[in-house]
PDB file of N, CA and C in Angstrom:
ATOM      1  N   UNK A   1      49.164  67.561 -13.666  1.00  0.00           N
ATOM      2  CA  UNK A   1      48.296  67.068 -14.631  1.00  0.00           C
ATOM      3  C   UNK A   1      47.719  65.825 -13.974  1.00  0.00           C
ATOM      4  N   UNK A   2      46.288  65.684 -13.961  1.00  0.00           N
ATOM      5  CA  UNK A   2      45.660  64.527 -13.481  1.00  0.00           C
ATOM      6  C   UNK A   2      45.467  63.705 -14.792  1.00  0.00           C
ATOM      7  N   UNK A   3      45.804  62.201 -14.568  1.00  0.00           N
ATOM      8  CA  UNK A   3      45.618  61.439 -15.660  1.00  0.00           C
ATOM      9  C   UNK A   3      44.408  60.610 -15.290  1.00  0.00           C
ATOM     10  N   UNK A   4      43.455  60.495 -16.273  1.00  0.00           N
ATOM     11  CA  UNK A   4      42.210  59.851 -16.057  1.00  0.00           C
ATOM     12  C   UNK A   4      41.788  58.986 -17.213  1.00  0.00           C
ATOM     13  N   UNK A   5      41.440  57.791 -16.885  1.00  0.00           N
ATOM     14  CA  UNK A   5      41.087  56.885 -17.808  1.00  0.00           C
ATOM     15  C   UNK A   5      39.582  56.462 -17.557  1.00  0.00           C
ATOM     16  N   UNK A   6      38.956  56.261 -18.709  1.00  0.00           N
ATOM     17  CA  UNK A   6      37.406  55.917 -18.611  1.00  0.00           C
ATOM     18  C   UNK A   6      37.343  54.642 -19.378  1.00  0.00           C
ATOM     19  N   UNK A   7      36.739  53.674 -18.831  1.00  0.00           N
ATOM     20  CA  UNK A   7      36.476  52.184 -19.451  1.00  0.00           C
ATOM     21  C   UNK A   7      35.022  52.050 -19.576  1.00  0.00           C
ATOM     22  N   UNK A   8      34.548  52.218 -20.597  1.00  0.00           N
ATOM     23  CA  UNK A   8      33.018  52.111 -20.848  1.00  0.00           C
ATOM     24  C   UNK A   8      32.682  51.585 -22.259  1.00  0.00           C
ATOM     25  N   UNK A   9      31.894  50.710 -22.539  1.00  0.00           N
ATOM     26  CA  UNK A   9      31.555  50.193 -23.763  1.00  0.00           C
ATOM     27  C   UNK A   9      30.664  51.134 -24.639  1.00  0.00           C
ATOM     28  N   UNK A  10      29.931  52.132 -23.883  1.00  0.00           N
ATOM     29  CA  UNK A  10      29.036  52.892 -24.637  1.00  0.00           C
ATOM     30  C   UNK A  10      29.803  54.479 -25.099  1.00  0.00           C
ATOM     31  N   UNK A  11      29.993  54.674 -26.160  1.00  0.00           N
ATOM     32  CA  UNK A  11      30.716  55.859 -26.669  1.00  0.00           C
ATOM     33  C   UNK A  11      29.958  57.002 -26.070  1.00  0.00           C
ATOM     34  N   UNK A  12      28.571  57.027 -26.331  1.00  0.00           N
ATOM     35  CA  UNK A  12      27.869  58.204 -25.726  1.00  0.00           C
ATOM     36  C   UNK A  12      28.291  58.499 -24.285  1.00  0.00           C
ATOM     37  N   UNK A  13      28.388  57.378 -23.495  1.00  0.00           N
ATOM     38  CA  UNK A  13      28.546  57.618 -22.142  1.00  0.00           C
ATOM     39  C   UNK A  13      30.129  58.054 -21.803  1.00  0.00           C
ATOM     40  N   UNK A  14      31.016  57.678 -22.649  1.00  0.00           N
ATOM     41  CA  UNK A  14      32.307  58.180 -22.578  1.00  0.00           C
ATOM     42  C   UNK A  14      32.320  59.564 -23.109  1.00  0.00           C
ATOM     43  N   UNK A  15      31.773  60.015 -24.078  1.00  0.00           N
ATOM     44  CA  UNK A  15      31.789  61.424 -24.590  1.00  0.00           C
ATOM     45  C   UNK A  15      31.217  62.178 -23.526  1.00  0.00           C
ATOM     46  N   UNK A  16      29.922  61.882 -22.814  1.00  0.00           N
ATOM     47  CA  UNK A  16      29.446  62.801 -21.996  1.00  0.00           C
ATOM     48  C   UNK A  16      30.211  62.893 -20.553  1.00  0.00           C
ATOM     49  N   UNK A  17      31.052  61.738 -20.229  1.00  0.00           N
ATOM     50  CA  UNK A  17      32.015  61.953 -19.155  1.00  0.00           C
ATOM     51  C   UNK A  17      33.086  62.722 -19.499  1.00  0.00           C
ATOM     52  N   UNK A  18      33.557  62.582 -20.690  1.00  0.00           N
ATOM     53  CA  UNK A  18      34.812  63.479 -21.208  1.00  0.00           C
ATOM     54  C   UNK A  18      34.399  65.000 -21.152  1.00  0.00           C
ATOM     55  N   UNK A  19      33.189  65.276 -21.668  1.00  0.00           N
ATOM     56  CA  UNK A  19      32.751  66.611 -21.503  1.00  0.00           C
ATOM     57  C   UNK A  19      32.573  67.271 -20.191  1.00  0.00           C
ATOM     58  N   UNK A  20      32.207  66.441 -19.422  1.00  0.00           N
ATOM     59  CA  UNK A  20      32.053  66.955 -17.824  1.00  0.00           C
ATOM     60  C   UNK A  20      33.281  67.235 -17.337  1.00  0.00           C
ATOM     61  N   UNK A  21      34.362  66.319 -17.522  1.00  0.00           N
ATOM     62  CA  UNK A  21      35.565  66.374 -17.067  1.00  0.00           C
ATOM     63  C   UNK A  21      36.228  67.652 -17.601  1.00  0.00           C
ATOM     64  N   UNK A  22      36.143  68.075 -18.810  1.00  0.00           N
ATOM     65  CA  UNK A  22      36.720  69.056 -19.665  1.00  0.00           C
ATOM     66  C   UNK A  22      36.137  70.364 -18.905  1.00  0.00           C
ATOM     67  N   UNK A  23      34.854  70.413 -18.673  1.00  0.00           N
ATOM     68  CA  UNK A  23      34.204  71.540 -17.929  1.00  0.00           C
ATOM     69  C   UNK A  23      34.868  71.665 -16.503  1.00  0.00           C
ATOM     70  N   UNK A  24      34.982  70.570 -15.721  1.00  0.00           N
ATOM     71  CA  UNK A  24      35.545  70.717 -14.452  1.00  0.00           C
ATOM     72  C   UNK A  24      37.227  71.253 -14.637  1.00  0.00           C
ATOM     73  N   UNK A  25      37.764  70.643 -15.609  1.00  0.00           N
ATOM     74  CA  UNK A  25      39.116  71.215 -15.752  1.00  0.00           C
ATOM     75  C   UNK A  25      39.315  72.580 -16.057  1.00  0.00           C
ATOM     76  N   UNK A  26      38.544  73.074 -16.927  1.00  0.00           N
ATOM     77  CA  UNK A  26      38.471  74.538 -17.447  1.00  0.00           C
ATOM     78  C   UNK A  26      38.061  75.475 -16.299  1.00  0.00           C
ATOM     79  N   UNK A  27      36.882  75.033 -15.626  1.00  0.00           N
ATOM     80  CA  UNK A  27      36.404  75.952 -14.610  1.00  0.00           C
ATOM     81  C   UNK A  27      37.363  75.833 -13.136  1.00  0.00           C
ATOM     82  N   UNK A  28      38.147  74.926 -13.012  1.00  0.00           N
ATOM     83  CA  UNK A  28      39.133  74.967 -11.909  1.00  0.00           C
ATOM     84  C   UNK A  28      40.580  75.077 -12.348  1.00  0.00           C
ATOM     85  N   UNK A  29      40.887  75.244 -13.430  1.00  0.00           N
ATOM     86  CA  UNK A  29      42.076  75.605 -13.959  1.00  0.00           C
ATOM     87  C   UNK A  29      43.156  74.361 -13.688  1.00  0.00           C
ATOM     88  N   UNK A  30      42.549  73.128 -14.035  1.00  0.00           N
ATOM     89  CA  UNK A  30      43.231  71.808 -13.815  1.00  0.00           C
ATOM     90  C   UNK A  30      43.603  71.134 -15.000  1.00  0.00           C
ATOM     91  N   UNK A  31      44.708  70.883 -15.209  1.00  0.00           N
ATOM     92  CA  UNK A  31      45.061  70.090 -16.362  1.00  0.00           C
ATOM     93  C   UNK A  31      44.633  68.631 -16.235  1.00  0.00           C
ATOM     94  N   UNK A  32      43.977  68.194 -17.319  1.00  0.00           N
ATOM     95  CA  UNK A  32      43.417  66.903 -17.186  1.00  0.00           C
ATOM     96  C   UNK A  32      43.929  66.128 -18.537  1.00  0.00           C
ATOM     97  N   UNK A  33      44.577  64.891 -18.315  1.00  0.00           N
ATOM     98  CA  UNK A  33      44.895  64.151 -19.536  1.00  0.00           C
ATOM     99  C   UNK A  33      43.809  62.908 -19.513  1.00  0.00           C
ATOM    100  N   UNK A  34      42.764  62.796 -20.299  1.00  0.00           N
ATOM    101  CA  UNK A  34      41.694  61.926 -20.310  1.00  0.00           C
ATOM    102  C   UNK A  34      41.924  60.963 -21.637  1.00  0.00           C
ATOM    103  N   UNK A  35      42.053  59.610 -21.135  1.00  0.00           N
ATOM    104  CA  UNK A  35      42.152  58.455 -22.089  1.00  0.00           C
ATOM    105  C   UNK A  35      40.756  57.655 -22.013  1.00  0.00           C
ATOM    106  N   UNK A  36      40.403  57.215 -23.163  1.00  0.00           N
ATOM    107  CA  UNK A  36      39.258  56.238 -23.230  1.00  0.00           C
ATOM    108  C   UNK A  36      39.591  54.795 -23.843  1.00  0.00           C
ATOM    109  N   UNK A  37      38.798  53.915 -23.271  1.00  0.00           N
ATOM    110  CA  UNK A  37      38.917  52.629 -23.558  1.00  0.00           C
ATOM    111  C   UNK A  37      37.420  51.921 -23.612  1.00  0.00           C
ATOM    112  N   UNK A  38      37.080  51.113 -24.671  1.00  0.00           N
ATOM    113  CA  UNK A  38      35.689  50.646 -24.925  1.00  0.00           C
ATOM    114  C   UNK A  38      35.392  49.489 -24.454  1.00  0.00           C
ATOM    115  N   UNK A  39      36.465  48.890 -23.707  1.00  0.00           N
ATOM    116  CA  UNK A  39      36.316  47.491 -22.943  1.00  0.00           C
ATOM    117  C   UNK A  39      37.330  47.318 -22.078  1.00  0.00           C
ATOM    118  N   UNK A  40      37.244  46.167 -21.050  1.00  0.00           N
ATOM    119  CA  UNK A  40      38.361  46.094 -20.286  1.00  0.00           C
ATOM    120  C   UNK A  40      39.486  45.498 -20.908  1.00  0.00           C
ATOM    121  N   UNK A  41      39.293  44.572 -21.871  1.00  0.00           N
ATOM    122  CA  UNK A  41      40.395  44.087 -22.612  1.00  0.00           C
ATOM    123  C   UNK A  41      41.339  45.034 -23.234  1.00  0.00           C
ATOM    124  N   UNK A  42      40.640  46.115 -23.765  1.00  0.00           N
ATOM    125  CA  UNK A  42      41.504  47.142 -24.505  1.00  0.00           C
ATOM    126  C   UNK A  42      42.341  47.733 -23.439  1.00  0.00           C
ATOM    127  N   UNK A  43      41.742  47.964 -22.105  1.00  0.00           N
ATOM    128  CA  UNK A  43      42.395  48.728 -21.099  1.00  0.00           C
ATOM    129  C   UNK A  43      43.546  47.793 -20.718  1.00  0.00           C
ATOM    130  N   UNK A  44      43.273  46.653 -20.469  1.00  0.00           N
ATOM    131  CA  UNK A  44      44.260  45.620 -19.830  1.00  0.00           C
ATOM    132  C   UNK A  44      45.594  45.513 -20.964  1.00  0.00           C
ATOM    133  N   UNK A  45      45.206  45.607 -22.165  1.00  0.00           N
ATOM    134  CA  UNK A  45      46.133  45.363 -23.268  1.00  0.00           C
ATOM    135  C   UNK A  45      46.981  46.708 -23.417  1.00  0.00           C
ATOM    136  N   UNK A  46      46.641  47.851 -22.934  1.00  0.00           N
ATOM    137  CA  UNK A  46      47.230  49.173 -22.875  1.00  0.00           C
ATOM    138  C   UNK A  46      48.761  49.067 -22.213  1.00  0.00           C
ATOM    139  N   UNK A  47      49.709  49.571 -23.000  1.00  0.00           N
ATOM    140  CA  UNK A  47      51.103  49.609 -22.561  1.00  0.00           C
ATOM    141  C   UNK A  47      51.006  50.676 -21.399  1.00  0.00           C
ATOM    142  N   UNK A  48      50.580  51.789 -21.337  1.00  0.00           N
ATOM    143  CA  UNK A  48      50.626  52.838 -20.333  1.00  0.00           C
ATOM    144  C   UNK A  48      49.281  52.701 -19.790  1.00  0.00           C
ATOM    145  N   UNK A  49      49.333  52.243 -18.213  1.00  0.00           N
ATOM    146  CA  UNK A  49      48.000  52.259 -17.628  1.00  0.00           C
ATOM    147  C   UNK A  49      48.256  52.967 -16.194  1.00  0.00           C
ATOM    148  N   UNK A  50      49.096  54.074 -16.075  1.00  0.00           N
ATOM    149  CA  UNK A  50      49.451  54.698 -15.032  1.00  0.00           C
ATOM    150  C   UNK A  50      48.588  55.981 -14.914  1.00  0.00           C
ATOM    151  N   UNK A  51      47.343  55.754 -14.274  1.00  0.00           N
ATOM    152  CA  UNK A  51      46.200  56.577 -14.083  1.00  0.00           C
ATOM    153  C   UNK A  51      46.179  57.101 -12.638  1.00  0.00           C
ATOM    154  N   UNK A  52      45.648  58.306 -12.356  1.00  0.00           N
ATOM    155  CA  UNK A  52      45.337  58.697 -11.054  1.00  0.00           C
ATOM    156  C   UNK A  52      44.023  58.421 -10.581  1.00  0.00           C
ATOM    157  N   UNK A  53      42.897  58.457 -11.593  1.00  0.00           N
ATOM    158  CA  UNK A  53      41.513  58.109 -11.611  1.00  0.00           C
ATOM    159  C   UNK A  53      41.208  57.139 -12.650  1.00  0.00           C
ATOM    160  N   UNK A  54      40.257  56.216 -12.364  1.00  0.00           N
ATOM    161  CA  UNK A  54      39.759  55.500 -13.636  1.00  0.00           C
ATOM    162  C   UNK A  54      38.217  55.250 -13.172  1.00  0.00           C
ATOM    163  N   UNK A  55      37.506  55.711 -14.282  1.00  0.00           N
ATOM    164  CA  UNK A  55      35.976  55.527 -14.294  1.00  0.00           C
ATOM    165  C   UNK A  55      35.745  54.376 -14.953  1.00  0.00           C
ATOM    166  N   UNK A  56      35.022  53.296 -14.329  1.00  0.00           N
ATOM    167  CA  UNK A  56      34.710  52.051 -14.796  1.00  0.00           C
ATOM    168  C   UNK A  56      33.094  51.811 -14.931  1.00  0.00           C
ATOM    169  N   UNK A  57      32.705  51.565 -15.969  1.00  0.00           N
ATOM    170  CA  UNK A  57      31.265  51.120 -16.157  1.00  0.00           C
ATOM    171  C   UNK A  57      31.223  49.640 -15.661  1.00  0.00           C
ATOM    172  N   UNK A  58      30.080  49.547 -14.872  1.00  0.00           N
ATOM    173  CA  UNK A  58      29.953  48.272 -14.256  1.00  0.00           C
ATOM    174  C   UNK A  58      29.526  47.245 -15.121  1.00  0.00           C
ATOM    175  N   UNK A  59      28.547  47.538 -16.000  1.00  0.00           N
ATOM    176  CA  UNK A  59      27.894  46.554 -17.014  1.00  0.00           C
ATOM    177  C   UNK A  59      28.531  46.707 -18.355  1.00  0.00           C
ATOM    178  N   UNK A  60      29.568  45.816 -18.464  1.00  0.00           N
ATOM    179  CA  UNK A  60      30.052  45.684 -19.647  1.00  0.00           C
ATOM    180  C   UNK A  60      30.130  44.193 -20.173  1.00  0.00           C
ATOM    181  N   UNK A  61      30.027  43.931 -21.515  1.00  0.00           N
ATOM    182  CA  UNK A  61      30.427  42.585 -22.052  1.00  0.00           C
ATOM    183  C   UNK A  61      31.738  42.061 -21.715  1.00  0.00           C
ATOM    184  N   UNK A  62      31.810  40.815 -21.715  1.00  0.00           N
ATOM    185  CA  UNK A  62      33.122  39.818 -21.591  1.00  0.00           C
ATOM    186  C   UNK A  62      33.622  40.026 -20.015  1.00  0.00           C
ATOM    187  N   UNK A  63      33.817  41.261 -19.592  1.00  0.00           N
ATOM    188  CA  UNK A  63      34.407  41.612 -18.187  1.00  0.00           C
ATOM    189  C   UNK A  63      33.750  42.706 -17.618  1.00  0.00           C
ATOM    190  N   UNK A  64      33.205  42.456 -16.635  1.00  0.00           N
ATOM    191  CA  UNK A  64      32.415  43.910 -15.939  1.00  0.00           C
ATOM    192  C   UNK A  64      33.416  44.823 -15.290  1.00  0.00           C
ATOM    193  N   UNK A  65      32.929  45.842 -14.919  1.00  0.00           N
ATOM    194  CA  UNK A  65      33.752  46.771 -14.177  1.00  0.00           C
ATOM    195  C   UNK A  65      34.272  46.323 -12.973  1.00  0.00           C
ATOM    196  N   UNK A  66      33.606  45.582 -12.171  1.00  0.00           N
ATOM    197  CA  UNK A  66      33.755  44.984 -10.999  1.00  0.00           C
ATOM    198  C   UNK A  66      34.895  43.989 -11.070  1.00  0.00           C
ATOM    199  N   UNK A  67      34.905  43.205 -12.201  1.00  0.00           N
ATOM    200  CA  UNK A  67      35.780  42.135 -12.311  1.00  0.00           C
ATOM    201  C   UNK A  67      37.124  42.936 -12.813  1.00  0.00           C
ATOM    202  N   UNK A  68      36.833  43.996 -13.567  1.00  0.00           N
ATOM    203  CA  UNK A  68      38.261  44.810 -13.894  1.00  0.00           C
ATOM    204  C   UNK A  68      38.907  45.332 -12.819  1.00  0.00           C
ATOM    205  N   UNK A  69      38.081  45.854 -11.810  1.00  0.00           N
ATOM    206  CA  UNK A  69      38.670  46.472 -10.679  1.00  0.00           C
ATOM    207  C   UNK A  69      39.324  45.530  -9.863  1.00  0.00           C
ATOM    208  N   UNK A  70      38.949  44.361  -9.623  1.00  0.00           N
ATOM    209  CA  UNK A  70      39.634  43.336  -8.930  1.00  0.00           C
ATOM    210  C   UNK A  70      40.980  42.974  -9.602  1.00  0.00           C
ATOM    211  N   UNK A  71      41.126  42.998 -10.992  1.00  0.00           N
ATOM    212  CA  UNK A  71      42.531  42.900 -11.576  1.00  0.00           C
ATOM    213  C   UNK A  71      43.353  43.986 -11.425  1.00  0.00           C
ATOM    214  N   UNK A  72      42.699  45.179 -11.465  1.00  0.00           N
ATOM    215  CA  UNK A  72      43.613  46.395 -11.221  1.00  0.00           C
ATOM    216  C   UNK A  72      44.117  46.469  -9.723  1.00  0.00           C
ATOM    217  N   UNK A  73      43.360  46.024  -8.794  1.00  0.00           N
ATOM    218  CA  UNK A  73      43.787  45.986  -7.601  1.00  0.00           C
ATOM    219  C   UNK A  73      45.021  45.152  -7.223  1.00  0.00           C
ATOM    220  N   UNK A  74      45.142  43.938  -8.209  1.00  0.00           N
ATOM    221  CA  UNK A  74      46.204  42.972  -7.888  1.00  0.00           C
ATOM    222  C   UNK A  74      47.551  43.724  -8.217  1.00  0.00           C
ATOM    223  N   UNK A  75      47.597  44.880  -8.772  1.00  0.00           N
ATOM    224  CA  UNK A  75      48.980  45.462  -9.253  1.00  0.00           C
ATOM    225  C   UNK A  75      48.813  46.894  -8.812  1.00  0.00           C
ATOM    226  N   UNK A  76      47.851  47.678  -8.704  1.00  0.00           N
ATOM    227  CA  UNK A  76      47.708  49.186  -8.246  1.00  0.00           C
ATOM    228  C   UNK A  76      46.666  49.275  -7.329  1.00  0.00           C
ATOM    229  N   UNK A  77      47.146  49.592  -6.063  1.00  0.00           N
ATOM    230  CA  UNK A  77      46.402  49.948  -4.940  1.00  0.00           C
ATOM    231  C   UNK A  77      46.211  51.354  -4.663  1.00  0.00           C
ATOM    232  N   UNK A  78      46.730  52.330  -5.606  1.00  0.00           N
ATOM    233  CA  UNK A  78      46.764  53.585  -5.335  1.00  0.00           C
ATOM    234  C   UNK A  78      45.610  54.376  -6.247  1.00  0.00           C
ATOM    235  N   UNK A  79      45.424  53.742  -7.380  1.00  0.00           N
ATOM    236  CA  UNK A  79      44.411  54.450  -8.174  1.00  0.00           C
ATOM    237  C   UNK A  79      43.198  54.497  -7.733  1.00  0.00           C
ATOM    238  N   UNK A  80      42.322  55.699  -7.902  1.00  0.00           N
ATOM    239  CA  UNK A  80      40.896  55.886  -7.534  1.00  0.00           C
ATOM    240  C   UNK A  80      40.158  55.336  -8.564  1.00  0.00           C
ATOM    241  N   UNK A  81      39.228  54.532  -8.006  1.00  0.00           N
ATOM    242  CA  UNK A  81      38.380  53.861  -8.984  1.00  0.00           C
ATOM    243  C   UNK A  81      36.865  54.349  -8.668  1.00  0.00           C
ATOM    244  N   UNK A  82      36.274  54.846  -9.613  1.00  0.00           N
ATOM    245  CA  UNK A  82      34.744  55.386  -9.712  1.00  0.00           C
ATOM    246  C   UNK A  82      34.039  54.528 -10.711  1.00  0.00           C
ATOM    247  N   UNK A  83      33.122  53.955 -10.067  1.00  0.00           N
ATOM    248  CA  UNK A  83      32.009  53.098 -10.827  1.00  0.00           C
ATOM    249  C   UNK A  83      31.058  53.851 -11.317  1.00  0.00           C
ATOM    250  N   UNK A  84      30.487  53.617 -12.630  1.00  0.00           N
ATOM    251  CA  UNK A  84      29.505  54.313 -13.249  1.00  0.00           C
ATOM    252  C   UNK A  84      28.383  53.283 -13.666  1.00  0.00           C
ATOM    253  N   UNK A  85      27.265  53.536 -13.554  1.00  0.00           N
ATOM    254  CA  UNK A  85      26.402  52.671 -14.027  1.00  0.00           C
ATOM    255  C   UNK A  85      24.961  53.385 -14.135  1.00  0.00           C
ATOM    256  N   UNK A  86      23.963  53.020 -15.110  1.00  0.00           N
ATOM    257  CA  UNK A  86      22.659  53.722 -15.106  1.00  0.00           C
ATOM    258  C   UNK A  86      21.834  52.782 -14.694  1.00  0.00           C
ATOM    259  N   UNK A  87      22.222  51.572 -14.212  1.00  0.00           N
ATOM    260  CA  UNK A  87      21.293  50.485 -13.912  1.00  0.00           C
ATOM    261  C   UNK A  87      21.015  50.112 -12.428  1.00  0.00           C
ATOM    262  N   UNK A  88      20.010  50.463 -11.868  1.00  0.00           N
ATOM    263  CA  UNK A  88      19.814  50.433 -10.576  1.00  0.00           C
ATOM    264  C   UNK A  88      20.399  49.112  -9.774  1.00  0.00           C
ATOM    265  N   UNK A  89      20.152  48.093 -10.272  1.00  0.00           N
ATOM    266  CA  UNK A  89      20.676  46.879  -9.757  1.00  0.00           C
ATOM    267  C   UNK A  89      22.060  46.623  -9.696  1.00  0.00           C
ATOM    268  N   UNK A  90      22.884  47.586 -10.349  1.00  0.00           N
ATOM    269  CA  UNK A  90      24.250  47.499 -10.204  1.00  0.00           C
ATOM    270  C   UNK A  90      24.842  48.540  -9.262  1.00  0.00           C
ATOM    271  N   UNK A  91      24.059  49.479  -9.002  1.00  0.00           N
ATOM    272  CA  UNK A  91      24.548  50.660  -8.152  1.00  0.00           C
ATOM    273  C   UNK A  91      25.120  50.322  -6.788  1.00  0.00           C
ATOM    274  N   UNK A  92      24.536  49.351  -6.158  1.00  0.00           N
ATOM    275  CA  UNK A  92      25.096  48.887  -4.699  1.00  0.00           C
ATOM    276  C   UNK A  92      26.200  48.075  -4.838  1.00  0.00           C
ATOM    277  N   UNK A  93      26.528  47.639  -6.082  1.00  0.00           N
ATOM    278  CA  UNK A  93      27.747  46.703  -6.241  1.00  0.00           C
ATOM    279  C   UNK A  93      29.032  47.601  -6.098  1.00  0.00           C
ATOM    280  N   UNK A  94      28.872  48.933  -6.450  1.00  0.00           N
ATOM    281  CA  UNK A  94      30.001  49.836  -6.474  1.00  0.00           C
ATOM    282  C   UNK A  94      30.418  50.166  -5.088  1.00  0.00           C
ATOM    283  N   UNK A  95      29.610  49.850  -4.186  1.00  0.00           N
ATOM    284  CA  UNK A  95      29.920  50.249  -2.603  1.00  0.00           C
ATOM    285  C   UNK A  95      30.676  49.093  -2.022  1.00  0.00           C
TER     286      UNK A  95
END
């Protein structure tokens, strides 16, 4: 099973990503456990943060996905981080 976390303040974006992941899992016979968080603070407060992949929205209030990624890397060097944004000015920050 692949454990995936989605941290995004936009419910519609989380829902679209969850649907895409569900399709991927079904088409590839891969079991996915997807959890969603509506902000960085909720993610950081979670007791269980053992994920294989994290999708982080770059543009979130209070703490951006880039800032959250820095905090995550302090304790977890292995999780795969994927940055999501629909704003061109933030796209290069993910690289």
